[in-house]
């Protein structure tokens, strides 16, 4: 019974931890976003339909997407190369910056 509780607690912690890392710094994210702007635009509004708009997207979605590209769970060689050197803090900052921009109007 104790082992089962520890297993459940561990699974919950693994799920919650990535979400708790979302206290990103918008100003730091803006500074780090210059490389992203080449494809996604300065404020996350892409000028090409080939690249998704990031502006106004939910921060937790953006953070998870970057984690998944880095881990290889999402397959895109360009994005995998871009996130390879990013820390979790970098990802949280970028997610916070793009989430703070105008764009999507879908509310949770």
N, C-alpha and C. Protein backbone atom coordinates (compact mmCIF):
# COMPACT_ATOMS: atom_id res chain seq x y z
N UNK A 1 0.82 -1.19 0.00
CA UNK A 1 0.00 0.00 0.00
C UNK A 1 0.87 1.26 0.00
N UNK A 2 1.94 1.24 0.81
CA UNK A 2 2.83 2.40 0.88
C UNK A 2 3.54 2.61 -0.46
N UNK A 3 3.93 1.54 -1.11
CA UNK A 3 4.59 1.62 -2.40
C UNK A 3 3.66 2.23 -3.44
N UNK A 4 2.41 1.84 -3.39
CA UNK A 4 1.42 2.37 -4.33
C UNK A 4 1.25 3.88 -4.13
N UNK A 5 1.21 4.32 -2.90
CA UNK A 5 1.07 5.75 -2.61
C UNK A 5 2.29 6.53 -3.09
N UNK A 6 3.47 5.96 -2.89
CA UNK A 6 4.69 6.62 -3.36
C UNK A 6 4.71 6.72 -4.88
N UNK A 7 4.26 5.68 -5.54
CA UNK A 7 4.21 5.67 -7.00
C UNK A 7 3.24 6.74 -7.50
N UNK A 8 2.08 6.83 -6.89
CA UNK A 8 1.10 7.84 -7.27
C UNK A 8 1.65 9.24 -7.02
N UNK A 9 2.27 9.44 -5.88
CA UNK A 9 2.85 10.75 -5.56
C UNK A 9 3.93 11.13 -6.56
N UNK A 10 4.75 10.16 -6.94
CA UNK A 10 5.81 10.41 -7.92
C UNK A 10 5.25 10.79 -9.28
N UNK A 11 4.21 10.10 -9.70
CA UNK A 11 3.57 10.41 -10.98
C UNK A 11 2.96 11.80 -10.97
N UNK A 12 2.30 12.14 -9.88
CA UNK A 12 1.71 13.47 -9.77
C UNK A 12 2.79 14.55 -9.78
N UNK A 13 3.87 14.32 -9.09
CA UNK A 13 4.97 15.29 -9.06
C UNK A 13 5.56 15.47 -10.46
N UNK A 14 5.71 14.39 -11.20
CA UNK A 14 6.26 14.47 -12.55
C UNK A 14 5.34 15.25 -13.47
N UNK A 15 4.04 15.13 -13.25
CA UNK A 15 3.07 15.86 -14.07
C UNK A 15 3.01 17.33 -13.69
N UNK A 16 3.04 17.62 -12.40
CA UNK A 16 2.88 18.98 -11.91
C UNK A 16 4.16 19.80 -12.07
N UNK A 17 5.32 19.18 -11.93
CA UNK A 17 6.59 19.91 -12.00
C UNK A 17 6.75 20.75 -13.27
N UNK A 18 6.50 20.20 -14.46
CA UNK A 18 6.66 21.04 -15.65
C UNK A 18 5.74 22.26 -15.63
N UNK A 19 4.56 22.11 -15.09
CA UNK A 19 3.62 23.22 -15.05
C UNK A 19 4.05 24.28 -14.04
N UNK A 20 4.69 23.85 -12.96
CA UNK A 20 5.10 24.81 -11.94
C UNK A 20 6.30 25.63 -12.39
N UNK A 21 6.96 25.20 -13.44
CA UNK A 21 8.12 25.92 -13.94
C UNK A 21 7.72 27.09 -14.83
N UNK A 22 6.44 27.39 -14.88
CA UNK A 22 5.95 28.40 -15.80
C UNK A 22 6.03 29.82 -15.29
N UNK A 23 6.64 30.05 -14.19
CA UNK A 23 6.76 31.41 -13.67
C UNK A 23 7.88 32.13 -14.43
N UNK A 24 7.72 32.20 -15.74
CA UNK A 24 8.74 32.81 -16.57
C UNK A 24 8.74 34.33 -16.48
N UNK A 25 9.84 34.91 -16.87
CA UNK A 25 10.04 36.36 -16.85
C UNK A 25 9.82 36.90 -18.26
N UNK A 26 8.79 37.73 -18.42
CA UNK A 26 8.42 38.25 -19.74
C UNK A 26 9.57 39.07 -20.35
N UNK A 27 10.19 39.94 -19.56
CA UNK A 27 11.29 40.78 -20.08
C UNK A 27 12.47 39.92 -20.52
N UNK A 28 12.80 38.91 -19.73
CA UNK A 28 13.90 38.01 -20.11
C UNK A 28 13.53 37.23 -21.36
N UNK A 29 12.27 36.83 -21.46
CA UNK A 29 11.80 36.11 -22.64
C UNK A 29 11.92 36.94 -23.90
N UNK A 30 11.62 38.23 -23.78
CA UNK A 30 11.73 39.12 -24.94
C UNK A 30 13.18 39.17 -25.42
N UNK A 31 14.12 39.28 -24.49
CA UNK A 31 15.54 39.31 -24.85
C UNK A 31 15.97 38.01 -25.52
N UNK A 32 15.41 36.90 -25.08
CA UNK A 32 15.81 35.59 -25.60
C UNK A 32 15.09 35.23 -26.90
N UNK A 33 14.10 36.02 -27.30
CA UNK A 33 13.24 35.65 -28.43
C UNK A 33 13.76 36.07 -29.79
N UNK A 34 14.93 36.68 -29.86
CA UNK A 34 15.41 37.19 -31.15
C UNK A 34 15.57 36.08 -32.19
N UNK A 35 16.03 34.92 -31.79
CA UNK A 35 16.18 33.81 -32.73
C UNK A 35 14.80 33.32 -33.18
N UNK A 36 13.85 33.28 -32.26
CA UNK A 36 12.49 32.82 -32.57
C UNK A 36 11.83 33.73 -33.61
N UNK A 37 12.15 35.03 -33.54
CA UNK A 37 11.51 36.02 -34.40
C UNK A 37 11.76 35.77 -35.88
N UNK A 38 12.84 35.12 -36.22
CA UNK A 38 13.14 34.85 -37.62
C UNK A 38 12.01 34.08 -38.31
N UNK A 39 11.37 33.18 -37.60
CA UNK A 39 10.28 32.39 -38.17
C UNK A 39 8.91 32.78 -37.61
N UNK A 40 8.86 33.09 -36.33
CA UNK A 40 7.58 33.31 -35.65
C UNK A 40 7.21 34.78 -35.50
N UNK A 41 8.07 35.71 -35.94
CA UNK A 41 7.80 37.14 -35.81
C UNK A 41 8.21 37.67 -34.45
N UNK A 42 8.47 38.98 -34.37
CA UNK A 42 8.95 39.58 -33.12
C UNK A 42 7.99 39.41 -31.96
N UNK A 43 6.70 39.50 -32.24
CA UNK A 43 5.72 39.36 -31.16
C UNK A 43 4.96 38.04 -31.25
N UNK A 44 5.50 37.12 -32.04
CA UNK A 44 4.87 35.81 -32.16
C UNK A 44 3.84 35.71 -33.26
N UNK A 45 3.73 36.74 -34.09
CA UNK A 45 2.81 36.72 -35.22
C UNK A 45 3.62 36.46 -36.48
N UNK A 46 3.57 35.24 -36.95
CA UNK A 46 4.38 34.83 -38.09
C UNK A 46 3.92 35.52 -39.37
N UNK A 47 4.88 35.85 -40.22
CA UNK A 47 4.55 36.45 -41.51
C UNK A 47 4.36 35.37 -42.58
N UNK A 48 4.61 34.13 -42.23
CA UNK A 48 4.49 33.02 -43.16
C UNK A 48 3.52 31.98 -42.61
N UNK A 49 2.66 31.45 -43.46
CA UNK A 49 1.75 30.40 -42.99
C UNK A 49 2.47 29.09 -42.66
N UNK A 50 3.75 29.02 -43.02
CA UNK A 50 4.54 27.81 -42.73
C UNK A 50 4.92 27.69 -41.26
N UNK A 51 4.84 28.80 -40.52
CA UNK A 51 5.24 28.81 -39.12
C UNK A 51 4.07 29.25 -38.25
N UNK A 52 3.84 28.55 -37.15
CA UNK A 52 2.69 28.90 -36.30
C UNK A 52 2.88 30.22 -35.56
N UNK A 53 1.75 30.88 -35.30
CA UNK A 53 1.76 32.07 -34.46
C UNK A 53 1.90 31.63 -33.01
N UNK A 54 2.79 32.28 -32.29
CA UNK A 54 3.00 31.98 -30.88
C UNK A 54 2.39 33.04 -29.97
N UNK A 55 2.21 34.25 -30.48
CA UNK A 55 1.69 35.35 -29.69
C UNK A 55 0.30 35.05 -29.15
N UNK A 56 0.14 35.19 -27.84
CA UNK A 56 -1.15 34.96 -27.20
C UNK A 56 -1.44 33.51 -26.89
N UNK A 57 -0.55 32.62 -27.29
CA UNK A 57 -0.74 31.19 -26.99
C UNK A 57 -0.57 30.98 -25.49
N UNK A 58 -1.19 29.96 -24.96
CA UNK A 58 -1.10 29.68 -23.53
C UNK A 58 0.34 29.28 -23.17
N UNK A 59 0.86 29.88 -22.10
CA UNK A 59 2.24 29.66 -21.69
C UNK A 59 2.52 28.19 -21.40
N UNK A 60 1.59 27.51 -20.75
CA UNK A 60 1.83 26.10 -20.42
C UNK A 60 1.93 25.25 -21.68
N UNK A 61 1.17 25.59 -22.71
CA UNK A 61 1.26 24.87 -23.99
C UNK A 61 2.62 25.10 -24.64
N UNK A 62 3.05 26.36 -24.68
CA UNK A 62 4.35 26.68 -25.29
C UNK A 62 5.50 26.00 -24.55
N UNK A 63 5.43 26.05 -23.23
CA UNK A 63 6.48 25.43 -22.41
C UNK A 63 6.54 23.93 -22.68
N UNK A 64 5.40 23.27 -22.68
CA UNK A 64 5.33 21.82 -22.92
C UNK A 64 5.82 21.50 -24.33
N UNK A 65 5.46 22.32 -25.31
CA UNK A 65 5.90 22.07 -26.68
C UNK A 65 7.42 22.12 -26.78
N UNK A 66 8.03 23.11 -26.14
CA UNK A 66 9.50 23.20 -26.17
C UNK A 66 10.14 22.01 -25.47
N UNK A 67 9.58 21.60 -24.34
CA UNK A 67 10.10 20.41 -23.65
C UNK A 67 10.01 19.19 -24.56
N UNK A 68 8.88 19.05 -25.24
CA UNK A 68 8.67 17.89 -26.11
C UNK A 68 9.60 17.90 -27.32
N UNK A 69 9.86 19.07 -27.89
CA UNK A 69 10.84 19.14 -28.99
C UNK A 69 12.22 18.74 -28.48
N UNK A 70 12.58 19.23 -27.32
CA UNK A 70 13.91 18.93 -26.76
C UNK A 70 14.06 17.45 -26.46
N UNK A 71 13.00 16.83 -25.96
CA UNK A 71 13.04 15.40 -25.60
C UNK A 71 12.84 14.49 -26.81
N UNK A 72 12.47 15.06 -27.95
CA UNK A 72 12.24 14.25 -29.14
C UNK A 72 10.84 13.69 -29.24
N UNK A 73 9.94 14.10 -28.37
CA UNK A 73 8.55 13.62 -28.43
C UNK A 73 7.78 14.30 -29.56
N UNK A 74 8.17 15.50 -29.92
CA UNK A 74 7.63 16.19 -31.09
C UNK A 74 8.75 16.22 -32.11
N UNK A 75 8.41 15.88 -33.34
CA UNK A 75 9.43 15.73 -34.38
C UNK A 75 9.44 16.93 -35.33
N UNK A 76 10.49 17.72 -35.23
CA UNK A 76 10.75 18.81 -36.16
C UNK A 76 12.23 19.15 -36.00
N UNK A 77 13.03 18.82 -36.99
CA UNK A 77 14.48 19.02 -36.86
C UNK A 77 14.88 20.47 -36.59
N UNK A 78 14.15 21.41 -37.17
CA UNK A 78 14.48 22.83 -36.96
C UNK A 78 14.23 23.21 -35.51
N UNK A 79 13.05 22.86 -35.00
CA UNK A 79 12.73 23.21 -33.61
C UNK A 79 13.61 22.44 -32.63
N UNK A 80 13.90 21.19 -32.93
CA UNK A 80 14.76 20.41 -32.04
C UNK A 80 16.12 21.09 -31.89
N UNK A 81 16.65 21.59 -33.00
CA UNK A 81 17.94 22.29 -32.95
C UNK A 81 17.84 23.61 -32.18
N UNK A 82 16.72 24.30 -32.33
CA UNK A 82 16.55 25.59 -31.65
C UNK A 82 16.46 25.45 -30.14
N UNK A 83 15.79 24.42 -29.66
CA UNK A 83 15.58 24.27 -28.21
C UNK A 83 16.68 23.46 -27.52
N UNK A 84 17.56 22.87 -28.31
CA UNK A 84 18.59 21.99 -27.75
C UNK A 84 19.38 22.64 -26.61
N UNK A 85 19.75 23.89 -26.76
CA UNK A 85 20.59 24.54 -25.74
C UNK A 85 19.78 25.32 -24.70
N UNK A 86 18.46 25.32 -24.82
CA UNK A 86 17.64 26.08 -23.87
C UNK A 86 17.49 25.36 -22.54
N UNK A 87 17.58 26.11 -21.46
CA UNK A 87 17.30 25.56 -20.13
C UNK A 87 15.79 25.64 -19.89
N UNK A 88 15.34 25.00 -18.82
CA UNK A 88 13.92 25.10 -18.46
C UNK A 88 13.55 26.56 -18.16
N UNK A 89 14.47 27.30 -17.56
CA UNK A 89 14.21 28.71 -17.28
C UNK A 89 14.06 29.50 -18.58
N UNK A 90 14.94 29.23 -19.55
CA UNK A 90 14.83 29.88 -20.86
C UNK A 90 13.46 29.61 -21.48
N UNK A 91 13.05 28.35 -21.43
CA UNK A 91 11.76 27.96 -22.01
C UNK A 91 10.60 28.65 -21.30
N UNK A 92 10.67 28.71 -19.98
CA UNK A 92 9.62 29.38 -19.21
C UNK A 92 9.57 30.87 -19.55
N UNK A 93 10.73 31.49 -19.70
CA UNK A 93 10.78 32.91 -20.05
C UNK A 93 10.20 33.15 -21.44
N UNK A 94 10.58 32.32 -22.40
CA UNK A 94 10.05 32.46 -23.75
C UNK A 94 8.54 32.23 -23.78
N UNK A 95 8.09 31.22 -23.06
CA UNK A 95 6.65 30.94 -23.00
C UNK A 95 5.89 32.11 -22.39
N UNK A 96 6.44 32.70 -21.34
CA UNK A 96 5.79 33.85 -20.69
C UNK A 96 5.74 35.04 -21.64
N UNK A 97 6.82 35.28 -22.36
CA UNK A 97 6.86 36.41 -23.29
C UNK A 97 5.82 36.26 -24.39
N UNK A 98 5.82 35.11 -25.06
CA UNK A 98 4.88 34.94 -26.17
C UNK A 98 3.43 34.88 -25.68
N UNK A 99 3.20 34.33 -24.52
CA UNK A 99 1.84 34.30 -23.96
C UNK A 99 1.34 35.71 -23.65
N UNK A 100 2.24 36.62 -23.32
CA UNK A 100 1.86 37.99 -22.97
C UNK A 100 1.56 38.85 -24.20
N UNK A 101 1.86 38.33 -25.39
CA UNK A 101 1.62 39.09 -26.61
C UNK A 101 0.18 38.91 -27.08
N UNK A 102 -0.28 39.82 -27.92
CA UNK A 102 -1.63 39.67 -28.46
C UNK A 102 -1.62 38.57 -29.50
N UNK A 103 -2.76 38.04 -29.76
CA UNK A 103 -2.86 36.96 -30.74
C UNK A 103 -4.13 36.19 -30.52
N UNK A 104 -4.01 35.05 -29.92
CA UNK A 104 -5.18 34.21 -29.68
C UNK A 104 -6.16 34.90 -28.75
N UNK A 105 -7.43 34.64 -28.98
CA UNK A 105 -8.43 35.22 -28.09
C UNK A 105 -9.23 34.13 -27.37
N UNK A 106 -8.72 32.92 -27.41
CA UNK A 106 -9.39 31.81 -26.75
C UNK A 106 -9.09 31.85 -25.27
N UNK A 107 -10.12 31.85 -24.45
CA UNK A 107 -9.93 31.88 -23.00
C UNK A 107 -10.13 30.50 -22.44
N UNK A 108 -9.46 30.25 -21.34
CA UNK A 108 -9.61 28.96 -20.66
C UNK A 108 -10.70 29.04 -19.65
